Amino acid sequence: MPFSFVPQAVGKIFSGLAQCGAWGCFDEFNRIDASVLSVISSQMQTIRNALILHCKRFQGQEISLDDRMGIFITMNPGYAGRTELPESVKALFRPVVVIVPDLQQICEIMLFSEGFLMAKVLAKKMTVLYKLAREQLSKQSHYDFGLRALKSVLMMAGELKRGSPDLEEVVTRVVVDCWSPTSFLLQANLGRLQVIFFQP
């Protein structure tokens, strides 16, 4: 969900969800500005009250409400640029904690789906590499060695492999291409990186 959403647009989405009984999931909800969040929370509260009281008015319009509707949000509280949700919004949702994903399994499945036969071995090496990068390289917030960054590297590796099926150093090349703006030491340590990927 882009954080530039205006309350009127969100209100229309809520109205549509309420009328057709659909479920809506708003990703990274805490990227929305705090002033906009307060308006959105009042819209949610209006829908909630209308559903409880079986009313049919939302934002001054007569609409038919379907009580099967649902609104869900996701958020990443630890990231930079995220706002704390107001208590009025928190009160409307039931929190669910999600565990840390198994990066090696995700990596292995993606590599297999991209056509890599040695996916199991490569997945282990990739996840170890990203773990070491998270632990030992810069802790600045604009450096990302998480699942999103790993996934984009794997997708690029798949594209390169489809374009050059005989190329053995696909993963190494993609890691270097993706990381070169991140670390000037990477080009100097290319030999070591190749050893990581090509050692049994």
N, C-alpha and C. Protein backbone atom coordinates (compact mmCIF):
# COMPACT_ATOMS: atom_id res chain seq x y z
N MET A 1 0.85 -1.19 0.00
CA MET A 1 0.00 0.00 0.00
C MET A 1 0.88 1.24 0.00
N PRO A 2 0.83 2.10 -1.02
CA PRO A 2 1.67 3.29 -1.04
C PRO A 2 1.31 4.22 0.10
N PHE A 3 2.35 4.87 0.70
CA PHE A 3 2.08 5.70 1.86
C PHE A 3 1.54 7.08 1.48
N SER A 4 1.32 7.33 0.18
CA SER A 4 0.76 8.61 -0.26
C SER A 4 -0.76 8.56 -0.40
N PHE A 5 -1.39 7.45 0.04
CA PHE A 5 -2.84 7.32 -0.03
C PHE A 5 -3.52 8.46 0.71
N VAL A 6 -4.58 8.99 0.14
CA VAL A 6 -5.37 10.02 0.82
C VAL A 6 -6.59 9.35 1.44
N PRO A 7 -7.13 9.90 2.54
CA PRO A 7 -8.24 9.26 3.23
C PRO A 7 -9.46 9.01 2.35
N GLN A 8 -9.74 9.91 1.39
CA GLN A 8 -10.91 9.74 0.52
C GLN A 8 -10.77 8.46 -0.32
N ALA A 9 -9.56 8.22 -0.83
CA ALA A 9 -9.32 7.02 -1.65
C ALA A 9 -9.47 5.76 -0.80
N VAL A 10 -8.93 5.80 0.41
CA VAL A 10 -9.04 4.65 1.30
C VAL A 10 -10.49 4.42 1.67
N GLY A 11 -11.24 5.53 1.88
CA GLY A 11 -12.66 5.43 2.20
C GLY A 11 -13.43 4.71 1.10
N LYS A 12 -13.07 4.98 -0.16
CA LYS A 12 -13.73 4.30 -1.29
C LYS A 12 -13.41 2.82 -1.30
N ILE A 13 -12.17 2.50 -0.97
CA ILE A 13 -11.78 1.08 -0.90
C ILE A 13 -12.57 0.38 0.20
N PHE A 14 -12.66 1.02 1.39
CA PHE A 14 -13.43 0.44 2.49
C PHE A 14 -14.89 0.26 2.09
N SER A 15 -15.45 1.25 1.41
CA SER A 15 -16.84 1.18 0.98
C SER A 15 -17.06 0.00 0.04
N GLY A 16 -16.12 -0.21 -0.89
CA GLY A 16 -16.21 -1.33 -1.82
C GLY A 16 -16.11 -2.67 -1.11
N LEU A 17 -15.18 -2.77 -0.15
CA LEU A 17 -15.03 -4.00 0.61
C LEU A 17 -16.30 -4.31 1.39
N ALA A 18 -16.86 -3.25 2.02
CA ALA A 18 -18.06 -3.42 2.84
C ALA A 18 -19.26 -3.86 2.01
N GLN A 19 -19.36 -3.37 0.79
CA GLN A 19 -20.52 -3.69 -0.04
C GLN A 19 -20.46 -5.09 -0.63
N CYS A 20 -19.25 -5.58 -0.94
CA CYS A 20 -19.18 -6.90 -1.57
C CYS A 20 -18.74 -8.00 -0.61
N GLY A 21 -18.46 -7.64 0.64
CA GLY A 21 -18.09 -8.67 1.62
C GLY A 21 -16.70 -9.24 1.40
N ALA A 22 -15.84 -8.45 0.77
CA ALA A 22 -14.48 -8.93 0.47
C ALA A 22 -13.55 -8.67 1.65
N TRP A 23 -12.40 -9.31 1.60
CA TRP A 23 -11.35 -9.06 2.58
C TRP A 23 -10.29 -8.20 1.90
N GLY A 24 -9.79 -7.22 2.63
CA GLY A 24 -8.73 -6.36 2.10
C GLY A 24 -7.53 -6.39 3.03
N CYS A 25 -6.34 -6.58 2.46
CA CYS A 25 -5.12 -6.57 3.26
C CYS A 25 -4.27 -5.38 2.83
N PHE A 26 -3.99 -4.48 3.75
CA PHE A 26 -3.20 -3.28 3.48
C PHE A 26 -1.79 -3.52 3.99
N ASP A 27 -0.86 -3.67 3.06
CA ASP A 27 0.52 -4.01 3.38
C ASP A 27 1.28 -2.78 3.86
N GLU A 28 2.15 -2.98 4.85
CA GLU A 28 2.99 -1.92 5.42
C GLU A 28 2.15 -0.70 5.80
N PHE A 29 1.13 -0.95 6.57
CA PHE A 29 0.17 0.08 6.96
C PHE A 29 0.82 1.22 7.75
N ASN A 30 1.87 0.90 8.49
CA ASN A 30 2.51 1.94 9.30
C ASN A 30 3.45 2.85 8.51
N ARG A 31 3.41 2.76 7.18
CA ARG A 31 4.13 3.74 6.35
C ARG A 31 3.26 4.96 6.07
N ILE A 32 1.98 4.86 6.40
CA ILE A 32 1.07 5.99 6.18
C ILE A 32 1.34 7.05 7.23
N ASP A 33 1.24 8.31 6.83
CA ASP A 33 1.46 9.43 7.74
C ASP A 33 0.47 9.37 8.90
N ALA A 34 0.93 9.78 10.10
CA ALA A 34 0.11 9.69 11.31
C ALA A 34 -1.20 10.48 11.20
N SER A 35 -1.15 11.65 10.54
CA SER A 35 -2.37 12.46 10.41
C SER A 35 -3.41 11.76 9.53
N VAL A 36 -2.95 11.04 8.51
CA VAL A 36 -3.86 10.29 7.64
C VAL A 36 -4.40 9.07 8.37
N LEU A 37 -3.54 8.44 9.19
CA LEU A 37 -3.95 7.26 9.95
C LEU A 37 -5.13 7.55 10.87
N SER A 38 -5.15 8.73 11.46
CA SER A 38 -6.25 9.05 12.39
C SER A 38 -7.58 9.13 11.64
N VAL A 39 -7.56 9.69 10.41
CA VAL A 39 -8.78 9.77 9.61
C VAL A 39 -9.22 8.37 9.19
N ILE A 40 -8.25 7.56 8.77
CA ILE A 40 -8.55 6.19 8.35
C ILE A 40 -9.12 5.38 9.51
N SER A 41 -8.59 5.59 10.72
CA SER A 41 -9.11 4.84 11.87
C SER A 41 -10.55 5.21 12.16
N SER A 42 -10.92 6.49 11.96
CA SER A 42 -12.32 6.87 12.19
C SER A 42 -13.23 6.24 11.12
N GLN A 43 -12.72 6.10 9.88
CA GLN A 43 -13.49 5.43 8.83
C GLN A 43 -13.71 3.95 9.18
N MET A 44 -12.66 3.31 9.69
CA MET A 44 -12.78 1.91 10.09
C MET A 44 -13.78 1.75 11.23
N GLN A 45 -13.70 2.69 12.17
CA GLN A 45 -14.61 2.64 13.32
C GLN A 45 -16.06 2.82 12.86
N THR A 46 -16.27 3.69 11.88
CA THR A 46 -17.62 3.91 11.33
C THR A 46 -18.16 2.63 10.71
N ILE A 47 -17.32 1.94 9.93
CA ILE A 47 -17.74 0.69 9.30
C ILE A 47 -18.02 -0.37 10.37
N ARG A 48 -17.16 -0.44 11.36
CA ARG A 48 -17.33 -1.42 12.44
C ARG A 48 -18.66 -1.20 13.17
N ASN A 49 -18.92 0.07 13.52
CA ASN A 49 -20.17 0.38 14.21
C ASN A 49 -21.38 0.08 13.33
N ALA A 50 -21.26 0.39 12.02
CA ALA A 50 -22.37 0.14 11.09
C ALA A 50 -22.66 -1.35 10.99
N LEU A 51 -21.61 -2.16 11.00
CA LEU A 51 -21.79 -3.61 10.93
C LEU A 51 -22.44 -4.15 12.21
N ILE A 52 -22.01 -3.61 13.35
CA ILE A 52 -22.57 -4.06 14.64
C ILE A 52 -24.05 -3.67 14.74
N LEU A 53 -24.36 -2.43 14.34
CA LEU A 53 -25.72 -1.91 14.47
C LEU A 53 -26.60 -2.19 13.24
N HIS A 54 -26.05 -2.85 12.23
CA HIS A 54 -26.76 -3.15 10.98
C HIS A 54 -27.27 -1.87 10.29
N CYS A 55 -26.42 -0.82 10.35
CA CYS A 55 -26.75 0.43 9.65
C CYS A 55 -26.33 0.30 8.19
N LYS A 56 -26.74 1.27 7.38
CA LYS A 56 -26.39 1.22 5.96
C LYS A 56 -25.85 2.54 5.46
N ARG A 57 -25.21 3.32 6.35
CA ARG A 57 -24.66 4.60 5.92
C ARG A 57 -23.16 4.62 6.16
N PHE A 58 -22.43 5.08 5.12
CA PHE A 58 -20.99 5.26 5.24
C PHE A 58 -20.59 6.47 4.41
N GLN A 59 -19.91 7.41 5.04
CA GLN A 59 -19.48 8.66 4.40
C GLN A 59 -20.66 9.37 3.71
N GLY A 60 -21.81 9.41 4.41
CA GLY A 60 -22.97 10.15 3.93
C GLY A 60 -23.73 9.47 2.82
N GLN A 61 -23.41 8.20 2.52
CA GLN A 61 -24.10 7.48 1.45
C GLN A 61 -24.79 6.25 2.00
N GLU A 62 -25.91 5.91 1.37
CA GLU A 62 -26.61 4.66 1.70
C GLU A 62 -25.93 3.53 0.93
N ILE A 63 -25.38 2.58 1.64
CA ILE A 63 -24.75 1.43 0.99
C ILE A 63 -25.22 0.15 1.69
N SER A 64 -25.20 -0.95 0.99
CA SER A 64 -25.54 -2.24 1.61
C SER A 64 -24.26 -2.86 2.16
N LEU A 65 -24.27 -3.14 3.45
CA LEU A 65 -23.08 -3.69 4.09
C LEU A 65 -23.18 -5.21 4.17
N ASP A 66 -22.09 -5.88 3.81
CA ASP A 66 -22.01 -7.33 3.90
C ASP A 66 -21.11 -7.65 5.09
N ASP A 67 -21.66 -8.33 6.10
CA ASP A 67 -20.89 -8.55 7.32
C ASP A 67 -19.77 -9.59 7.18
N ARG A 68 -19.57 -10.13 5.99
CA ARG A 68 -18.45 -11.05 5.76
C ARG A 68 -17.15 -10.30 5.44
N MET A 69 -17.22 -8.99 5.33
CA MET A 69 -16.03 -8.20 4.98
C MET A 69 -14.97 -8.30 6.08
N GLY A 70 -13.75 -8.07 5.70
CA GLY A 70 -12.66 -8.06 6.67
C GLY A 70 -11.56 -7.12 6.23
N ILE A 71 -10.93 -6.46 7.20
CA ILE A 71 -9.80 -5.57 6.91
C ILE A 71 -8.61 -6.08 7.71
N PHE A 72 -7.51 -6.28 7.02
CA PHE A 72 -6.28 -6.77 7.65
C PHE A 72 -5.16 -5.81 7.30
N ILE A 73 -4.20 -5.68 8.19
CA ILE A 73 -3.04 -4.83 7.92
C ILE A 73 -1.76 -5.59 8.25
N THR A 74 -0.70 -5.26 7.55
CA THR A 74 0.63 -5.77 7.91
C THR A 74 1.51 -4.57 8.18
N MET A 75 2.52 -4.76 9.00
CA MET A 75 3.45 -3.67 9.28
C MET A 75 4.81 -4.21 9.68
N ASN A 76 5.82 -3.41 9.46
CA ASN A 76 7.19 -3.72 9.85
C ASN A 76 7.64 -2.67 10.87
N PRO A 77 7.41 -2.92 12.16
CA PRO A 77 7.65 -1.87 13.15
C PRO A 77 9.11 -1.46 13.32
N GLY A 78 10.06 -2.35 12.98
CA GLY A 78 11.47 -2.02 13.23
C GLY A 78 12.15 -1.20 12.16
N TYR A 79 11.51 -0.97 11.02
CA TYR A 79 12.17 -0.30 9.89
C TYR A 79 12.15 1.22 10.02
N ALA A 80 13.12 1.86 9.38
CA ALA A 80 13.18 3.32 9.37
C ALA A 80 12.04 3.88 8.53
N GLY A 81 11.52 5.05 8.90
CA GLY A 81 10.47 5.69 8.14
C GLY A 81 9.08 5.17 8.44
N ARG A 82 8.95 4.33 9.46
CA ARG A 82 7.64 3.80 9.83
C ARG A 82 7.12 4.57 11.05
N THR A 83 5.81 4.80 11.07
CA THR A 83 5.22 5.52 12.20
C THR A 83 4.58 4.53 13.16
N GLU A 84 4.50 4.92 14.41
CA GLU A 84 3.82 4.12 15.42
C GLU A 84 2.32 4.26 15.22
N LEU A 85 1.61 3.14 15.21
CA LEU A 85 0.16 3.21 15.02
C LEU A 85 -0.51 3.85 16.23
N PRO A 86 -1.46 4.76 15.99
CA PRO A 86 -2.20 5.34 17.12
C PRO A 86 -3.02 4.27 17.83
N GLU A 87 -3.29 4.49 19.12
CA GLU A 87 -4.06 3.52 19.91
C GLU A 87 -5.44 3.29 19.30
N SER A 88 -6.01 4.34 18.67
CA SER A 88 -7.34 4.20 18.06
C SER A 88 -7.34 3.17 16.93
N VAL A 89 -6.19 3.04 16.24
CA VAL A 89 -6.07 2.05 15.16
C VAL A 89 -5.75 0.68 15.75
N LYS A 90 -4.83 0.65 16.72
CA LYS A 90 -4.46 -0.63 17.34
C LYS A 90 -5.67 -1.33 17.93
N ALA A 91 -6.58 -0.56 18.50
CA ALA A 91 -7.76 -1.13 19.15
C ALA A 91 -8.68 -1.86 18.18
N LEU A 92 -8.58 -1.54 16.89
CA LEU A 92 -9.46 -2.14 15.89
C LEU A 92 -8.95 -3.48 15.35
N PHE A 93 -7.72 -3.83 15.69
CA PHE A 93 -7.11 -5.04 15.12
C PHE A 93 -6.62 -5.99 16.20
N ARG A 94 -6.62 -7.25 15.85
CA ARG A 94 -6.08 -8.28 16.72
C ARG A 94 -4.66 -8.58 16.23
N PRO A 95 -3.67 -8.42 17.09
CA PRO A 95 -2.29 -8.63 16.62
C PRO A 95 -1.97 -10.11 16.41
N VAL A 96 -1.20 -10.37 15.37
CA VAL A 96 -0.70 -11.72 15.08
C VAL A 96 0.79 -11.58 14.81
N VAL A 97 1.59 -12.33 15.53
CA VAL A 97 3.04 -12.27 15.35
C VAL A 97 3.44 -13.31 14.31
N VAL A 98 4.29 -12.90 13.39
CA VAL A 98 4.76 -13.79 12.33
C VAL A 98 6.21 -14.14 12.60
N ILE A 99 6.57 -15.41 12.49
CA ILE A 99 7.95 -15.82 12.77
C ILE A 99 8.86 -15.44 11.60
N VAL A 100 10.15 -15.45 11.88
CA VAL A 100 11.14 -15.14 10.84
C VAL A 100 11.12 -16.27 9.81
N PRO A 101 11.04 -15.93 8.51
CA PRO A 101 10.97 -16.99 7.50
C PRO A 101 12.27 -17.77 7.39
N ASP A 102 12.17 -19.00 6.92
CA ASP A 102 13.34 -19.84 6.69
C ASP A 102 13.95 -19.43 5.35
N LEU A 103 14.96 -18.57 5.41
CA LEU A 103 15.56 -18.03 4.18
C LEU A 103 16.14 -19.11 3.29
N GLN A 104 16.76 -20.12 3.91
CA GLN A 104 17.40 -21.16 3.10
C GLN A 104 16.36 -21.94 2.30
N GLN A 105 15.24 -22.25 2.92
CA GLN A 105 14.20 -23.00 2.21
C GLN A 105 13.58 -22.16 1.09
N ILE A 106 13.32 -20.87 1.37
CA ILE A 106 12.79 -19.97 0.34
C ILE A 106 13.77 -19.86 -0.82
N CYS A 107 15.04 -19.70 -0.48
CA CYS A 107 16.09 -19.56 -1.49
C CYS A 107 16.18 -20.83 -2.35
N GLU A 108 16.15 -21.98 -1.69
CA GLU A 108 16.24 -23.26 -2.41
C GLU A 108 15.08 -23.43 -3.39
N ILE A 109 13.87 -23.15 -2.93
CA ILE A 109 12.69 -23.29 -3.78
C ILE A 109 12.76 -22.33 -4.97
N MET A 110 13.17 -21.08 -4.71
CA MET A 110 13.28 -20.11 -5.81
C MET A 110 14.34 -20.53 -6.83
N LEU A 111 15.48 -21.01 -6.34
CA LEU A 111 16.54 -21.44 -7.25
C LEU A 111 16.10 -22.63 -8.10
N PHE A 112 15.42 -23.60 -7.47
CA PHE A 112 14.89 -24.73 -8.24
C PHE A 112 13.92 -24.26 -9.30
N SER A 113 13.03 -23.33 -8.91
CA SER A 113 12.03 -22.84 -9.88
C SER A 113 12.66 -22.02 -10.99
N GLU A 114 13.85 -21.47 -10.74
CA GLU A 114 14.55 -20.71 -11.78
C GLU A 114 15.44 -21.61 -12.65
N GLY A 115 15.49 -22.92 -12.34
CA GLY A 115 16.22 -23.86 -13.20
C GLY A 115 17.61 -24.25 -12.72
N PHE A 116 17.97 -23.94 -11.48
CA PHE A 116 19.29 -24.31 -10.95
C PHE A 116 19.23 -25.72 -10.40
N LEU A 117 20.06 -26.64 -10.92
CA LEU A 117 20.05 -28.03 -10.47
C LEU A 117 20.74 -28.19 -9.11
N MET A 118 21.70 -27.33 -8.82
CA MET A 118 22.42 -27.39 -7.53
C MET A 118 21.79 -26.43 -6.52
N ALA A 119 20.48 -26.31 -6.54
CA ALA A 119 19.78 -25.31 -5.73
C ALA A 119 20.02 -25.48 -4.24
N LYS A 120 20.08 -26.71 -3.77
CA LYS A 120 20.24 -26.96 -2.32
C LYS A 120 21.58 -26.39 -1.83
N VAL A 121 22.64 -26.68 -2.57
CA VAL A 121 23.98 -26.21 -2.20
C VAL A 121 24.06 -24.69 -2.33
N LEU A 122 23.55 -24.17 -3.47
CA LEU A 122 23.59 -22.72 -3.69
C LEU A 122 22.77 -21.96 -2.65
N ALA A 123 21.64 -22.53 -2.26
CA ALA A 123 20.78 -21.88 -1.27
C ALA A 123 21.51 -21.72 0.06
N LYS A 124 22.21 -22.77 0.47
CA LYS A 124 22.97 -22.71 1.72
C LYS A 124 24.05 -21.64 1.65
N LYS A 125 24.76 -21.60 0.50
CA LYS A 125 25.83 -20.62 0.34
C LYS A 125 25.28 -19.19 0.30
N MET A 126 24.16 -19.01 -0.39
CA MET A 126 23.55 -17.66 -0.48
C MET A 126 23.09 -17.17 0.89
N THR A 127 22.44 -18.05 1.65
CA THR A 127 21.93 -17.61 2.95
C THR A 127 23.07 -17.33 3.93
N VAL A 128 24.13 -18.13 3.85
CA VAL A 128 25.31 -17.87 4.70
C VAL A 128 25.94 -16.52 4.31
N LEU A 129 26.05 -16.28 3.00
CA LEU A 129 26.61 -15.02 2.52
C LEU A 129 25.80 -13.82 3.02
N TYR A 130 24.47 -13.90 2.91
CA TYR A 130 23.62 -12.79 3.35
C TYR A 130 23.63 -12.64 4.87
N LYS A 131 23.76 -13.75 5.58
CA LYS A 131 23.86 -13.70 7.05
C LYS A 131 25.15 -12.98 7.45
N LEU A 132 26.26 -13.35 6.81
CA LEU A 132 27.54 -12.70 7.10
C LEU A 132 27.50 -11.21 6.74
N ALA A 133 26.85 -10.88 5.61
CA ALA A 133 26.74 -9.48 5.20
C ALA A 133 25.95 -8.68 6.23
N ARG A 134 24.84 -9.25 6.73
CA ARG A 134 24.03 -8.56 7.75
C ARG A 134 24.83 -8.34 9.02
N GLU A 135 25.64 -9.34 9.39
CA GLU A 135 26.38 -9.27 10.65
C GLU A 135 27.63 -8.41 10.57
N GLN A 136 28.33 -8.44 9.41
CA GLN A 136 29.65 -7.84 9.36
C GLN A 136 29.76 -6.56 8.54
N LEU A 137 28.84 -6.33 7.62
CA LEU A 137 28.92 -5.11 6.83
C LEU A 137 28.18 -3.97 7.51
N SER A 138 28.12 -2.84 6.88
CA SER A 138 27.56 -1.63 7.47
C SER A 138 26.14 -1.84 7.99
N LYS A 139 25.85 -1.24 9.14
CA LYS A 139 24.51 -1.35 9.74
C LYS A 139 23.60 -0.20 9.31
N GLN A 140 24.06 0.63 8.37
CA GLN A 140 23.23 1.76 7.94
C GLN A 140 21.92 1.26 7.32
N SER A 141 20.84 2.03 7.55
CA SER A 141 19.50 1.56 7.20
C SER A 141 19.29 1.38 5.70
N HIS A 142 20.08 2.09 4.85
CA HIS A 142 19.86 1.96 3.41
C HIS A 142 20.52 0.71 2.82
N TYR A 143 21.28 -0.03 3.63
CA TYR A 143 21.81 -1.31 3.17
C TYR A 143 20.84 -2.40 3.57
N ASP A 144 20.41 -3.20 2.61
CA ASP A 144 19.41 -4.22 2.88
C ASP A 144 19.95 -5.58 2.49
N PHE A 145 20.11 -6.45 3.47
CA PHE A 145 20.53 -7.82 3.21
C PHE A 145 19.47 -8.80 3.69
N GLY A 146 18.21 -8.38 3.59
CA GLY A 146 17.09 -9.20 4.04
C GLY A 146 16.49 -10.01 2.91
N LEU A 147 15.28 -10.51 3.16
CA LEU A 147 14.60 -11.40 2.21
C LEU A 147 14.32 -10.70 0.88
N ARG A 148 13.93 -9.42 0.93
CA ARG A 148 13.61 -8.70 -0.31
C ARG A 148 14.83 -8.62 -1.23
N ALA A 149 15.96 -8.26 -0.65
CA ALA A 149 17.19 -8.15 -1.44
C ALA A 149 17.62 -9.51 -1.98
N LEU A 150 17.52 -10.53 -1.13
CA LEU A 150 17.88 -11.88 -1.55
C LEU A 150 16.99 -12.36 -2.69
N LYS A 151 15.70 -12.08 -2.57
CA LYS A 151 14.75 -12.51 -3.60
C LYS A 151 15.04 -11.82 -4.94
N SER A 152 15.37 -10.54 -4.91
CA SER A 152 15.66 -9.84 -6.17
C SER A 152 16.93 -10.39 -6.83
N VAL A 153 17.93 -10.78 -6.02
CA VAL A 153 19.15 -11.38 -6.56
C VAL A 153 18.83 -12.72 -7.21
N LEU A 154 17.99 -13.52 -6.56
CA LEU A 154 17.64 -14.84 -7.11
C LEU A 154 16.86 -14.71 -8.41
N MET A 155 15.96 -13.73 -8.47
CA MET A 155 15.20 -13.52 -9.71
C MET A 155 16.10 -13.07 -10.84
N MET A 156 17.06 -12.18 -10.53
CA MET A 156 18.02 -11.75 -11.56
C MET A 156 18.89 -12.92 -12.02
N ALA A 157 19.27 -13.79 -11.07
CA ALA A 157 20.07 -14.97 -11.43
C ALA A 157 19.30 -15.88 -12.38
N GLY A 158 18.01 -16.03 -12.14
CA GLY A 158 17.16 -16.83 -13.02
C GLY A 158 17.10 -16.26 -14.42
N GLU A 159 16.95 -14.93 -14.52
CA GLU A 159 16.91 -14.27 -15.83
C GLU A 159 18.23 -14.46 -16.58
N LEU A 160 19.34 -14.29 -15.85
CA LEU A 160 20.66 -14.45 -16.47
C LEU A 160 20.87 -15.90 -16.91
N LYS A 161 20.42 -16.85 -16.10
CA LYS A 161 20.59 -18.27 -16.46
C LYS A 161 19.78 -18.62 -17.70
N ARG A 162 18.58 -18.09 -17.81
CA ARG A 162 17.77 -18.35 -19.02
C ARG A 162 18.42 -17.75 -20.26
N GLY A 163 19.07 -16.60 -20.07
CA GLY A 163 19.74 -15.95 -21.21
C GLY A 163 21.05 -16.61 -21.57
N SER A 164 21.78 -17.16 -20.57
CA SER A 164 23.07 -17.83 -20.81
C SER A 164 23.11 -19.14 -20.04
N PRO A 165 22.45 -20.18 -20.54
CA PRO A 165 22.35 -21.44 -19.78
C PRO A 165 23.68 -22.12 -19.50
N ASP A 166 24.72 -21.85 -20.30
CA ASP A 166 26.01 -22.51 -20.10
C ASP A 166 26.92 -21.77 -19.12
N LEU A 167 26.52 -20.59 -18.71
CA LEU A 167 27.36 -19.79 -17.81
C LEU A 167 27.34 -20.40 -16.41
N GLU A 168 28.53 -20.73 -15.88
CA GLU A 168 28.62 -21.39 -14.57
C GLU A 168 28.56 -20.39 -13.42
N GLU A 169 29.04 -19.18 -13.65
CA GLU A 169 29.17 -18.21 -12.56
C GLU A 169 27.96 -17.29 -12.44
N VAL A 170 26.79 -17.80 -12.74
CA VAL A 170 25.58 -16.96 -12.78
C VAL A 170 25.34 -16.25 -11.45
N VAL A 171 25.29 -17.02 -10.37
CA VAL A 171 24.96 -16.46 -9.06
C VAL A 171 26.03 -15.46 -8.62
N THR A 172 27.30 -15.80 -8.83
CA THR A 172 28.39 -14.89 -8.47
C THR A 172 28.27 -13.57 -9.22
N ARG A 173 28.02 -13.65 -10.53
CA ARG A 173 27.89 -12.43 -11.34
C ARG A 173 26.76 -11.55 -10.85
N VAL A 174 25.62 -12.17 -10.52
CA VAL A 174 24.46 -11.39 -10.08
C VAL A 174 24.73 -10.75 -8.72
N VAL A 175 25.35 -11.49 -7.80
CA VAL A 175 25.68 -10.93 -6.48
C VAL A 175 26.60 -9.73 -6.65
N VAL A 176 27.60 -9.86 -7.50
CA VAL A 176 28.54 -8.74 -7.74
C VAL A 176 27.80 -7.56 -8.34
N ASP A 177 26.94 -7.80 -9.33
CA ASP A 177 26.19 -6.71 -9.97
C ASP A 177 25.28 -6.00 -8.98
N CYS A 178 24.65 -6.78 -8.11
CA CYS A 178 23.70 -6.18 -7.15
C CYS A 178 24.42 -5.48 -6.00
N TRP A 179 25.55 -6.02 -5.60
CA TRP A 179 26.23 -5.48 -4.42
C TRP A 179 27.26 -4.42 -4.74
N SER A 180 27.67 -4.27 -6.00
CA SER A 180 28.76 -3.32 -6.30
C SER A 180 28.48 -1.91 -5.82
N PRO A 181 27.24 -1.38 -5.87
CA PRO A 181 27.03 -0.06 -5.30
C PRO A 181 27.11 -0.09 -3.77
N THR A 182 26.88 -1.26 -3.17
CA THR A 182 26.85 -1.38 -1.71
C THR A 182 28.25 -1.39 -1.13
N SER A 183 29.16 -2.08 -1.78
CA SER A 183 30.48 -2.25 -1.19
C SER A 183 31.57 -2.20 -2.26
N PHE A 184 32.48 -1.22 -2.12
CA PHE A 184 33.58 -1.12 -3.07
C PHE A 184 34.60 -2.23 -2.85
N LEU A 185 34.53 -2.91 -1.70
CA LEU A 185 35.44 -4.02 -1.43
C LEU A 185 35.07 -5.27 -2.21
N LEU A 186 33.86 -5.31 -2.73
CA LEU A 186 33.38 -6.52 -3.38
C LEU A 186 34.21 -6.88 -4.61
N GLN A 187 34.51 -5.87 -5.45
CA GLN A 187 35.30 -6.16 -6.66
C GLN A 187 36.68 -6.71 -6.27
N ALA A 188 37.25 -6.17 -5.20
CA ALA A 188 38.57 -6.62 -4.77
C ALA A 188 38.53 -8.05 -4.24
N ASN A 189 37.37 -8.44 -3.68
CA ASN A 189 37.24 -9.77 -3.09
C ASN A 189 36.46 -10.74 -3.98
N LEU A 190 36.42 -10.47 -5.28
CA LEU A 190 35.66 -11.32 -6.19
C LEU A 190 36.16 -12.75 -6.16
N GLY A 191 37.49 -12.94 -6.06
CA GLY A 191 38.06 -14.29 -6.01
C GLY A 191 37.54 -15.07 -4.82
N ARG A 192 37.48 -14.43 -3.66
CA ARG A 192 36.97 -15.09 -2.47
C ARG A 192 35.50 -15.45 -2.63
N LEU A 193 34.74 -14.55 -3.24
CA LEU A 193 33.32 -14.80 -3.46
C LEU A 193 33.13 -16.03 -4.35
N GLN A 194 33.96 -16.14 -5.38
CA GLN A 194 33.86 -17.30 -6.28
C GLN A 194 34.22 -18.58 -5.55
N VAL A 195 35.20 -18.51 -4.63
CA VAL A 195 35.58 -19.69 -3.84
C VAL A 195 34.38 -20.13 -2.99
N ILE A 196 33.65 -19.18 -2.39
CA ILE A 196 32.49 -19.51 -1.58
C ILE A 196 31.48 -20.30 -2.40
N PHE A 197 31.23 -19.86 -3.63
CA PHE A 197 30.19 -20.49 -4.44
C PHE A 197 30.65 -21.77 -5.13
N PHE A 198 31.94 -21.90 -5.42
CA PHE A 198 32.37 -23.06 -6.20
C PHE A 198 33.10 -24.11 -5.39
N GLN A 199 33.31 -23.85 -4.08
CA GLN A 199 33.86 -24.91 -3.23
C GLN A 199 32.74 -25.91 -2.93
N PRO A 200 33.03 -27.19 -2.92
CA PRO A 200 31.99 -28.17 -2.59
C PRO A 200 31.61 -28.07 -1.13
